[in-house]
Amino acid sequence: MIREKILDILTDICGTDEIKRNPDLELFENGWLDSFGIIELFVAIHEQLDVEVAPTEMERVEWETANKIIAYLEERKG
């Protein structure tokens, strides 16, 4: 459930379905996610998965790829 939700959220925010095909692609390096996009992501995670995430809670490297985001959230929900 978390995996599908995050991939859908990222596809909407980033405007590409490349993320679904390869969830190990670098979101920031490819220009799909920026500081505004990460805030959108945090809001969507809170609204759709009921997980509160603060920007100060993690390093950007932990959110580089869809797979890293999914792993982080699965551990939190775990």
C-alpha atoms as a PDB file:
ATOM      1  CA  MET A   1       0.000   0.000   0.000  1.00  0.00           C
ATOM      2  CA  ILE A   2       2.728   2.497   0.942  1.00  0.00           C
ATOM      3  CA  ARG A   3       4.706   1.657  -2.210  1.00  0.00           C
ATOM      4  CA  GLU A   4       1.797   2.279  -4.586  1.00  0.00           C
ATOM      5  CA  LYS A   5       0.730   5.477  -2.792  1.00  0.00           C
ATOM      6  CA  ILE A   6       4.236   6.954  -2.826  1.00  0.00           C
ATOM      7  CA  LEU A   7       4.767   6.095  -6.487  1.00  0.00           C
ATOM      8  CA  ASP A   8       1.427   7.725  -7.350  1.00  0.00           C
ATOM      9  CA  ILE A   9       2.206  10.811  -5.242  1.00  0.00           C
ATOM     10  CA  LEU A  10       5.663  11.199  -6.788  1.00  0.00           C
ATOM     11  CA  THR A  11       4.301  10.725 -10.301  1.00  0.00           C
ATOM     12  CA  ASP A  12       1.852  13.574  -9.675  1.00  0.00           C
ATOM     13  CA  ILE A  13       4.361  15.913  -8.014  1.00  0.00           C
ATOM     14  CA  CYS A  14       7.226  15.208 -10.408  1.00  0.00           C
ATOM     15  CA  GLY A  15       5.121  15.060 -13.549  1.00  0.00           C
ATOM     16  CA  THR A  16       6.675  11.843 -14.862  1.00  0.00           C
ATOM     17  CA  ASP A  17       5.888   8.156 -14.692  1.00  0.00           C
ATOM     18  CA  GLU A  18       9.603   7.308 -15.093  1.00  0.00           C
ATOM     19  CA  ILE A  19       9.630   6.959 -11.305  1.00  0.00           C
ATOM     20  CA  LYS A  20       7.192   4.046 -11.461  1.00  0.00           C
ATOM     21  CA  ARG A  21       9.336   2.296 -14.064  1.00  0.00           C
ATOM     22  CA  ASN A  22      12.563   2.844 -12.132  1.00  0.00           C
ATOM     23  CA  PRO A  23      12.075   3.820  -8.473  1.00  0.00           C
ATOM     24  CA  ASP A  24      15.853   4.065  -8.014  1.00  0.00           C
ATOM     25  CA  LEU A  25      16.156   7.158 -10.213  1.00  0.00           C
ATOM     26  CA  GLU A  26      17.518  10.228  -8.417  1.00  0.00           C
ATOM     27  CA  LEU A  27      14.598  12.607  -7.882  1.00  0.00           C
ATOM     28  CA  PHE A  28      16.610  15.767  -7.143  1.00  0.00           C
ATOM     29  CA  GLU A  29      19.455  15.096  -9.579  1.00  0.00           C
ATOM     30  CA  ASN A  30      16.971  14.621 -12.440  1.00  0.00           C
ATOM     31  CA  GLY A  31      15.212  17.870 -11.549  1.00  0.00           C
ATOM     32  CA  TRP A  32      11.911  16.195 -10.693  1.00  0.00           C
ATOM     33  CA  LEU A  33      11.870  17.181  -7.028  1.00  0.00           C
ATOM     34  CA  ASP A  34      12.896  20.487  -5.492  1.00  0.00           C
ATOM     35  CA  SER A  35      12.314  22.227  -2.160  1.00  0.00           C
ATOM     36  CA  PHE A  36       8.716  23.098  -3.087  1.00  0.00           C
ATOM     37  CA  GLY A  37       8.076  19.551  -4.302  1.00  0.00           C
ATOM     38  CA  ILE A  38       9.400  18.023  -1.088  1.00  0.00           C
ATOM     39  CA  ILE A  39       6.920  20.101   0.929  1.00  0.00           C
ATOM     40  CA  GLU A  40       4.134  18.896  -1.376  1.00  0.00           C
ATOM     41  CA  LEU A  41       5.372  15.361  -0.763  1.00  0.00           C
ATOM     42  CA  PHE A  42       5.318  15.789   3.037  1.00  0.00           C
ATOM     43  CA  VAL A  43       1.767  17.169   2.899  1.00  0.00           C
ATOM     44  CA  ALA A  44       0.587  14.326   0.647  1.00  0.00           C
ATOM     45  CA  ILE A  45       2.211  11.715   2.896  1.00  0.00           C
ATOM     46  CA  HIS A  46       0.452  13.201   5.893  1.00  0.00           C
ATOM     47  CA  GLU A  47      -2.917  13.395   4.137  1.00  0.00           C
ATOM     48  CA  GLN A  48      -2.840  10.026   2.372  1.00  0.00           C
ATOM     49  CA  LEU A  49      -0.797   7.852   4.737  1.00  0.00           C
ATOM     50  CA  ASP A  50      -1.394   9.660   8.054  1.00  0.00           C
ATOM     51  CA  VAL A  51       2.345   9.936   8.693  1.00  0.00           C
ATOM     52  CA  GLU A  52       3.716  13.255   9.933  1.00  0.00           C
ATOM     53  CA  VAL A  53       7.129  14.022   8.444  1.00  0.00           C
ATOM     54  CA  ALA A  54       9.097  17.136   9.354  1.00  0.00           C
ATOM     55  CA  PRO A  55      11.699  18.472   6.926  1.00  0.00           C
ATOM     56  CA  THR A  56      14.207  18.701   9.789  1.00  0.00           C
ATOM     57  CA  GLU A  57      13.719  15.015  10.578  1.00  0.00           C
ATOM     58  CA  MET A  58      15.888  13.642   7.788  1.00  0.00           C
ATOM     59  CA  GLU A  59      18.705  14.374   5.402  1.00  0.00           C
ATOM     60  CA  ARG A  60      18.020  14.943   1.715  1.00  0.00           C
ATOM     61  CA  VAL A  61      20.061  11.837   0.884  1.00  0.00           C
ATOM     62  CA  GLU A  62      17.354   9.743   2.623  1.00  0.00           C
ATOM     63  CA  TRP A  63      14.812  11.063   0.093  1.00  0.00           C
ATOM     64  CA  GLU A  64      16.874  10.791  -3.114  1.00  0.00           C
ATOM     65  CA  THR A  65      14.818   8.029  -4.702  1.00  0.00           C
ATOM     66  CA  ALA A  66      11.302   6.646  -4.501  1.00  0.00           C
ATOM     67  CA  ASN A  67      12.683   3.395  -3.074  1.00  0.00           C
ATOM     68  CA  LYS A  68      14.462   5.262  -0.254  1.00  0.00           C
ATOM     69  CA  ILE A  69      11.271   7.179   0.578  1.00  0.00           C
ATOM     70  CA  ILE A  70       9.250   3.951   0.575  1.00  0.00           C
ATOM     71  CA  ALA A  71      11.783   2.168   2.814  1.00  0.00           C
ATOM     72  CA  TYR A  72      11.803   5.084   5.275  1.00  0.00           C
ATOM     73  CA  LEU A  73       8.010   5.192   5.497  1.00  0.00           C
ATOM     74  CA  GLU A  74       7.631   1.426   5.771  1.00  0.00           C
ATOM     75  CA  GLU A  75      10.060   1.471   8.682  1.00  0.00           C
ATOM     76  CA  ARG A  76       8.142   4.312  10.349  1.00  0.00           C
ATOM     77  CA  LYS A  77       4.780   2.603   9.886  1.00  0.00           C
ATOM     78  CA  GLY A  78       6.311  -0.776  10.703  1.00  0.00           C
END
